[in-house]
Amino acid sequence: MADLDPEDAKLITLARSARARAGVAEGAAVRDETGRTYVATTVDLPSLQLTALQGAVAAAVSSGASALEAAAVVTDLLEVDRAVVDDLTPDARLLVADPKGELR
């Protein structure tokens, strides 16, 4: 993470922390157009299933964000669906890292 922009590294740190705290498969963090950050983890309830990235984007949108600067996902999964990021800002950076914080 040494060569990442400090604000992007912060997103990965927030996503890692959320994932570890909740003990779930994924953690995500997004930064909106004003620099505010939103964090979420995987939600797996009988009536609601969200990826961490979907949760973080939903939190941003419900707080009034209209665009994203960047998003980060920390996961064991090999693929991340960036469609939810593209819905707001197709050219937003999407960082995907393993649980140790190493970019993929």
Protein backbone atom coordinates (compact mmCIF):
# COMPACT_ATOMS: atom_id res chain seq x y z
CA MET A 1 0.00 0.00 0.00
CA ALA A 2 3.06 2.25 0.16
CA ASP A 3 2.62 3.53 -3.40
CA LEU A 4 -1.11 4.22 -3.02
CA ASP A 5 -2.55 7.66 -2.53
CA PRO A 6 -3.03 8.07 1.26
CA GLU A 7 -6.78 8.54 0.84
CA ASP A 8 -7.04 5.29 -1.16
CA ALA A 9 -4.92 3.48 1.43
CA LYS A 10 -7.34 4.77 4.07
CA LEU A 11 -10.24 3.13 2.20
CA ILE A 12 -8.46 -0.22 2.26
CA THR A 13 -7.70 0.16 5.98
CA LEU A 14 -11.33 1.00 6.74
CA ALA A 15 -12.58 -1.96 4.68
CA ARG A 16 -10.11 -4.34 6.36
CA SER A 17 -11.12 -3.13 9.82
CA ALA A 18 -14.84 -3.49 9.14
CA ARG A 19 -14.35 -6.99 7.74
CA ALA A 20 -12.29 -8.10 10.73
CA ARG A 21 -14.62 -6.51 13.28
CA ALA A 22 -17.70 -8.21 11.82
CA GLY A 23 -15.97 -11.50 11.01
CA VAL A 24 -17.44 -11.63 7.51
CA ALA A 25 -16.16 -12.42 4.02
CA GLU A 26 -16.03 -8.85 2.71
CA GLY A 27 -15.51 -5.31 3.87
CA ALA A 28 -15.84 -2.24 1.67
CA ALA A 29 -15.35 1.49 1.90
CA VAL A 30 -16.24 4.22 -0.57
CA ARG A 31 -15.36 7.91 -0.78
CA ASP A 32 -17.88 10.32 -2.25
CA GLU A 33 -17.36 13.47 -4.26
CA THR A 34 -17.00 15.57 -1.09
CA GLY A 35 -14.44 13.26 0.54
CA ARG A 36 -16.81 11.61 3.01
CA THR A 37 -16.27 7.89 3.55
CA TYR A 38 -18.81 5.12 4.08
CA VAL A 39 -18.06 1.60 5.26
CA ALA A 40 -20.05 -1.64 5.13
CA THR A 41 -19.64 -5.38 5.35
CA THR A 42 -21.41 -8.32 3.81
CA VAL A 43 -25.06 -8.58 4.89
CA ASP A 44 -26.52 -12.07 4.85
CA LEU A 45 -29.95 -12.08 6.46
CA PRO A 46 -32.92 -14.25 5.48
CA SER A 47 -34.66 -11.23 3.95
CA LEU A 48 -31.66 -9.14 2.83
CA GLN A 49 -28.40 -10.03 1.13
CA LEU A 50 -25.87 -7.38 0.16
CA THR A 51 -22.24 -7.47 -0.81
CA ALA A 52 -20.06 -5.15 1.21
CA LEU A 53 -19.67 -2.88 -1.81
CA GLN A 54 -23.44 -2.68 -2.29
CA GLY A 55 -23.83 -1.77 1.38
CA ALA A 56 -21.18 0.95 1.27
CA VAL A 57 -22.64 2.49 -1.89
CA ALA A 58 -26.14 2.32 -0.39
CA ALA A 59 -24.88 4.12 2.72
CA ALA A 60 -23.30 6.83 0.56
CA VAL A 61 -26.39 7.31 -1.58
CA SER A 62 -28.72 7.37 1.43
CA SER A 63 -26.52 10.13 2.89
CA GLY A 64 -26.84 12.25 -0.23
CA ALA A 65 -23.79 11.28 -2.28
CA SER A 66 -24.28 11.67 -6.01
CA ALA A 67 -20.85 10.50 -7.16
CA LEU A 68 -17.93 8.41 -5.93
CA GLU A 69 -14.23 9.17 -6.15
CA ALA A 70 -13.05 5.70 -5.19
CA ALA A 71 -14.10 2.41 -3.65
CA ALA A 72 -12.18 -0.39 -1.97
CA VAL A 73 -13.17 -3.98 -1.26
CA VAL A 74 -11.26 -6.38 0.96
CA THR A 75 -12.26 -9.94 0.21
CA ASP A 76 -11.21 -13.55 -0.21
CA LEU A 77 -13.32 -13.72 -3.37
CA LEU A 78 -11.57 -13.60 -6.70
CA GLU A 79 -14.06 -11.32 -8.43
CA VAL A 80 -15.89 -8.19 -7.39
CA ASP A 81 -18.91 -6.86 -9.27
CA ARG A 82 -18.28 -3.17 -9.85
CA ALA A 83 -21.72 -2.52 -11.34
CA VAL A 84 -22.94 -0.74 -8.20
CA VAL A 85 -20.00 1.69 -8.41
CA ASP A 86 -20.60 2.21 -12.12
CA ASP A 87 -24.22 3.17 -11.40
CA LEU A 88 -22.94 6.38 -9.78
CA THR A 89 -19.54 6.99 -11.35
CA PRO A 90 -18.22 4.68 -14.09
CA ASP A 91 -14.69 6.10 -13.89
CA ALA A 92 -14.33 5.85 -10.09
CA ARG A 93 -11.29 3.87 -8.94
CA LEU A 94 -12.09 0.40 -7.59
CA LEU A 95 -9.37 -1.10 -5.42
CA VAL A 96 -9.61 -4.79 -4.57
CA ALA A 97 -7.37 -6.19 -1.85
CA ASP A 98 -6.91 -9.47 -0.05
CA PRO A 99 -7.48 -9.69 3.73
CA LYS A 100 -3.88 -8.61 4.35
CA GLY A 101 -4.48 -5.41 2.40
CA GLU A 102 -2.43 -6.42 -0.64
CA LEU A 103 -3.90 -5.15 -3.90
CA ARG A 104 -4.95 -7.68 -6.49
